[in-house]
Each structure stands twice: as structure tokens, then as C-alpha cells.
Amino acid sequence: MEKLNAFVSKDYRPLVIWADNLTEIISELGELCSDIELIADNVKYESVEEFASELKGRRPRNLKVCAKAPYSELELYPHSARFLISSSKPAALGVFTKIDSILHRVEKKPAWMYNSWFTPLAALVSISIAIVSFTIHVVRINLFLLFSILILAALIIYVAYVHLERHSVINSTSSDQSKGFLKANYDKIILSAISAVMGGFIAFGFLMLSKYLDK
């Protein structure tokens, strides 16, 4: 009996990757593979340094890191992120684990919000809130429930937008050289604002509900 060599691959949740992360990934691939290529928006670069120098802070939409012996590929697109190695030998699995750790580290936070179960759960909660609103005839509580549905809808739309257009945010600068607080933290600011509003409405809703139940 002989165990056959097999592809090892993984799809990632939305992530934000920097030039220094690419340097780490290419360094790890260099321990195992040969002929490593870095391609961004159909332009091939000889190194991460050249990539950073040419783009001057601009973000490419697509990026691919390829290598041979064994064939390996990291693909970053606006709608997906995937890494694979065409070998399941111990040395290849070791490199895969190290690169997987790097990619997991740069996934957007909170990572759980980008899991496949989040959107159906948020939609189910929205429907449940809508049903509850028909059984309570207090204007303030119904307003709170309405705003809760709107906030959940905003989260669902935001998560869908990230999955479709910002799944892979590729920065051509190093993480310690990021320029502009708003640009570097765009997604975090939007998510924090939505979460803050939602938290306020939840607190208000519990207050109104407690007064309603005490009557």
C-alpha cells in the first residue's frame, strides 16, 4: 500500500495583507520551492521590494504568488483568497502550516462575522424580531425593533460587500509604514460605527422592554 501525493489547499475569510506579509510568505516558500513569481494585476515583479517601489502605496485588485517543485499558489482576488501546495509530504505540509498561520493572522476582525453561517443567522434574527414586533403594541419598543432590523440589514449588506469587493485587500506598503488612519482602518471604522449604533439600540431596547414588562 502506498499513500499518494495530494493537493493541500485552503480558502480564507476576508483578509488585509501587507508587503511585509508577502515577504514572509515568499521566504517560507523559498525553503521548499523554486522559481517563485509575484504577479499583481497581470504585472510580474522580481521581488516584493520592486512591487512596493512600483506601486507607491497603490492597492492592486489581484495578486498571485506562484512557485514550482512542488507547485504552490497563493491567489488573492476581490472576491476570494486561496492557497494551495501540490504535495502532502511532511516538508510541504510544514510550509503550508507556516503560510496558513500568516494568512490566518491577517484575516479581518472579527473573523467570525465573515463565516458562512453569519449572514443566514443575522437574517433569521431579523425575521424573528419582525415577528415579535407584531405581538408588541408599544411604539418605543417597536421603533427599537425596527432599528434593530435596519442595523442587522446594514451588517448583512456590509458583509456581502466585503465578500464580493474587498475579500482581499492588498497593500503595497509594509504594515508599519501605513499612511493615513482613515485609509488604513476603513473597514474597522465602518464596522465599529455599526456596532456602536447597534449596541446603543440594544441597550435602549432592553430598557424599554423592562419598563413594558413591569407594567
Protein backbone atom coordinates (compact mmCIF):
# COMPACT_ATOMS: atom_id res chain seq x y z
CA MET A 1 0.00 0.00 0.00
CA GLU A 2 1.32 3.41 -0.95
CA LYS A 3 -0.05 6.78 0.07
CA LEU A 4 -0.47 9.01 -2.96
CA ASN A 5 0.70 12.61 -3.07
CA ALA A 6 -2.23 15.03 -2.95
CA PHE A 7 -3.02 18.72 -3.21
CA VAL A 8 -3.43 20.63 0.03
CA SER A 9 -5.48 23.82 -0.21
CA LYS A 10 -7.49 26.24 1.88
CA ASP A 11 -9.87 29.13 1.24
CA TYR A 12 -9.63 32.08 3.61
CA ARG A 13 -12.03 34.56 5.07
CA PRO A 14 -11.60 38.23 4.04
CA LEU A 15 -8.09 39.45 4.79
CA VAL A 16 -5.84 42.51 4.70
CA ILE A 17 -2.32 41.70 3.57
CA TRP A 18 0.76 43.94 3.60
CA ALA A 19 4.09 43.88 1.76
CA ASP A 20 5.90 42.53 4.83
CA ASN A 21 3.40 39.63 4.96
CA LEU A 22 4.21 38.86 1.31
CA THR A 23 7.92 38.87 2.21
CA GLU A 24 7.22 36.32 4.96
CA ILE A 25 5.19 34.11 2.61
CA ILE A 26 7.79 34.18 -0.16
CA SER A 27 10.54 33.47 2.37
CA GLU A 28 8.67 30.39 3.62
CA LEU A 29 8.04 29.19 0.05
CA GLY A 30 11.75 29.65 -0.70
CA GLU A 31 12.55 26.98 1.91
CA LEU A 32 10.77 24.40 -0.23
CA CYS A 33 10.04 25.65 -3.75
CA SER A 34 11.87 27.16 -6.70
CA ASP A 35 11.06 29.72 -9.43
CA ILE A 36 8.88 31.90 -7.22
CA GLU A 37 6.86 34.55 -9.08
CA LEU A 38 4.96 37.57 -7.76
CA ILE A 39 2.23 38.85 -10.10
CA ALA A 40 -0.13 41.74 -9.36
CA ASP A 41 -2.75 42.98 -11.83
CA ASN A 42 -1.05 40.99 -14.62
CA VAL A 43 2.36 42.57 -13.96
CA LYS A 44 5.24 40.35 -12.86
CA TYR A 45 7.62 41.71 -10.22
CA GLU A 46 11.07 40.39 -9.42
CA SER A 47 10.69 40.99 -5.69
CA VAL A 48 8.41 42.43 -3.03
CA GLU A 49 10.70 45.46 -2.92
CA GLU A 50 10.10 46.13 -6.63
CA PHE A 51 6.38 45.56 -6.13
CA ALA A 52 6.29 48.15 -3.33
CA SER A 53 8.50 50.60 -5.23
CA GLU A 54 6.47 50.50 -8.43
CA LEU A 55 3.03 50.73 -6.86
CA LYS A 56 3.99 53.53 -4.43
CA GLY A 57 1.20 52.79 -1.98
CA ARG A 58 -1.48 51.88 -4.54
CA ARG A 59 -3.51 48.74 -3.98
CA PRO A 60 -3.69 46.13 -6.76
CA ARG A 61 -7.00 44.30 -7.16
CA ASN A 62 -5.46 40.90 -7.84
CA LEU A 63 -2.26 39.24 -6.67
CA LYS A 64 -0.74 35.83 -7.24
CA VAL A 65 2.37 34.18 -5.81
CA CYS A 66 3.39 31.04 -7.73
CA ALA A 67 6.23 28.58 -7.21
CA LYS A 68 7.43 25.22 -8.57
CA ALA A 69 8.74 21.93 -7.19
CA PRO A 70 6.20 21.41 -5.73
CA TYR A 71 3.74 23.72 -7.47
CA SER A 72 2.32 26.23 -4.99
CA GLU A 73 -0.02 29.13 -5.49
CA LEU A 74 -1.46 31.95 -3.43
CA GLU A 75 -4.38 33.70 -5.17
CA LEU A 76 -5.87 36.93 -3.83
CA TYR A 77 -8.89 38.42 -5.59
CA PRO A 78 -11.58 40.95 -4.61
CA HIS A 79 -13.98 38.02 -4.08
CA SER A 80 -11.71 35.26 -2.72
CA ALA A 81 -8.41 34.23 -1.13
CA ARG A 82 -6.88 30.78 -1.59
CA PHE A 83 -3.58 29.00 -1.01
CA LEU A 84 -2.52 25.55 -2.24
CA ILE A 85 0.50 23.27 -2.42
CA SER A 86 0.53 20.29 -4.77
CA SER A 87 2.15 17.98 -2.24
CA SER A 88 1.19 16.36 1.03
CA LYS A 89 4.71 15.34 2.03
CA PRO A 90 5.87 16.38 5.54
CA ALA A 91 8.14 19.19 4.29
CA ALA A 92 5.34 20.64 2.14
CA LEU A 93 2.82 20.35 4.97
CA GLY A 94 5.24 22.18 7.25
CA VAL A 95 5.50 25.10 4.83
CA PHE A 96 1.73 25.05 4.27
CA THR A 97 1.15 25.30 8.03
CA LYS A 98 3.51 28.28 8.36
CA ILE A 99 1.91 30.18 5.48
CA ASP A 100 -1.55 29.26 6.72
CA SER A 101 -0.61 30.83 10.06
CA ILE A 102 0.44 34.07 8.32
CA LEU A 103 -2.79 34.25 6.32
CA HIS A 104 -4.92 33.45 9.35
CA ARG A 105 -3.18 36.27 11.23
CA VAL A 106 -4.16 38.88 8.63
CA GLU A 107 -7.83 37.87 8.35
CA LYS A 108 -10.19 40.74 9.06
CA LYS A 109 -11.50 41.05 12.58
CA PRO A 110 -13.86 39.98 13.96
CA ALA A 111 -13.21 36.92 11.80
CA TRP A 112 -16.37 35.11 12.95
CA MET A 113 -18.52 37.75 11.22
CA TYR A 114 -17.21 36.56 7.84
CA ASN A 115 -18.04 32.89 8.40
CA SER A 116 -20.63 31.36 6.09
CA TRP A 117 -23.16 30.99 8.93
CA PHE A 118 -23.24 34.68 9.92
CA THR A 119 -25.46 36.07 7.15
CA PRO A 120 -28.17 33.35 7.43
CA LEU A 121 -28.15 33.75 11.23
CA ALA A 122 -28.46 37.55 11.02
CA ALA A 123 -31.30 37.17 8.51
CA LEU A 124 -33.06 34.66 10.80
CA VAL A 125 -32.71 37.02 13.79
CA SER A 126 -34.13 39.88 11.68
CA ILE A 127 -37.16 37.79 10.72
CA SER A 128 -37.66 36.75 14.36
CA ILE A 129 -37.53 40.39 15.51
CA ALA A 130 -40.06 41.33 12.83
CA ILE A 131 -42.45 38.60 14.06
CA VAL A 132 -42.03 39.75 17.69
CA SER A 133 -42.77 43.35 16.71
CA PHE A 134 -46.28 42.31 15.59
CA THR A 135 -47.07 40.99 19.09
CA ILE A 136 -45.97 44.10 21.00
CA HIS A 137 -48.04 47.27 20.69
CA VAL A 138 -45.72 49.80 22.28
CA VAL A 139 -44.43 52.47 19.92
CA ARG A 140 -41.00 52.89 21.53
CA ILE A 141 -40.30 49.16 21.61
CA ASN A 142 -41.47 48.76 18.02
CA LEU A 143 -39.18 51.60 16.98
CA PHE A 144 -36.30 49.85 18.71
CA LEU A 145 -37.13 46.58 16.95
CA LEU A 146 -37.33 48.38 13.61
CA PHE A 147 -33.93 50.00 14.14
CA SER A 148 -32.50 46.62 15.18
CA ILE A 149 -33.69 45.12 11.89
CA LEU A 150 -32.14 48.04 9.99
CA ILE A 151 -28.80 47.61 11.79
CA LEU A 152 -28.77 43.86 11.09
CA ALA A 153 -29.62 44.59 7.46
CA ALA A 154 -26.70 47.05 7.32
CA LEU A 155 -24.38 44.37 8.70
CA ILE A 156 -25.62 41.82 6.17
CA ILE A 157 -25.08 44.28 3.30
CA TYR A 158 -21.63 45.24 4.61
CA VAL A 159 -20.50 41.61 4.93
CA ALA A 160 -21.81 40.82 1.44
CA TYR A 161 -19.95 43.85 0.04
CA VAL A 162 -16.71 42.73 1.71
CA HIS A 163 -17.05 39.20 0.32
CA LEU A 164 -17.70 40.49 -3.20
CA GLU A 165 -15.42 43.52 -3.46
CA ARG A 166 -12.99 43.64 -0.53
CA HIS A 167 -12.31 40.00 0.25
CA SER A 168 -8.59 40.53 -0.34
CA VAL A 169 -7.25 44.00 0.49
CA ILE A 170 -3.68 44.08 -0.82
CA ASN A 171 -1.40 46.82 0.48
CA SER A 172 1.85 47.55 -1.35
CA THR A 173 3.41 49.12 1.75
CA SER A 174 4.60 47.49 4.96
CA SER A 175 2.22 47.44 7.89
CA ASP A 176 4.49 49.78 9.88
CA GLN A 177 4.51 52.30 7.01
CA SER A 178 0.76 52.61 6.52
CA LYS A 179 -0.24 56.16 5.60
CA GLY A 180 -3.50 57.72 6.61
CA PHE A 181 -5.51 56.48 9.56
CA LEU A 182 -8.81 56.54 7.66
CA LYS A 183 -7.44 54.63 4.67
CA ALA A 184 -5.67 52.02 6.78
CA ASN A 185 -8.66 51.46 9.07
CA TYR A 186 -11.58 51.99 6.66
CA ASP A 187 -13.29 48.65 7.36
CA LYS A 188 -12.71 48.84 11.11
CA ILE A 189 -14.22 52.34 11.31
CA ILE A 190 -17.37 51.32 9.43
CA LEU A 191 -17.79 48.14 11.47
CA SER A 192 -17.16 49.98 14.76
CA ALA A 193 -19.75 52.62 13.86
CA ILE A 194 -22.38 49.98 13.02
CA SER A 195 -21.56 48.03 16.19
CA ALA A 196 -21.75 51.16 18.36
CA VAL A 197 -25.16 52.13 17.00
CA MET A 198 -26.40 48.57 17.35
CA GLY A 199 -25.14 48.38 20.95
CA GLY A 200 -26.92 51.62 21.80
CA PHE A 201 -30.21 50.43 20.36
CA ILE A 202 -29.94 47.09 22.15
CA ALA A 203 -29.41 48.85 25.49
CA PHE A 204 -32.33 51.18 24.77
CA GLY A 205 -34.49 48.24 23.76
CA PHE A 206 -33.80 46.31 26.96
CA LEU A 207 -34.67 49.42 28.97
CA MET A 208 -37.99 49.88 27.17
CA LEU A 209 -38.78 46.17 27.33
CA SER A 210 -38.11 46.06 31.08
CA LYS A 211 -40.48 49.01 31.63
CA TYR A 212 -43.12 47.31 29.48
CA LEU A 213 -42.87 44.04 31.45
CA ASP A 214 -43.02 45.86 34.80
CA LYS A 215 -46.43 47.33 34.00
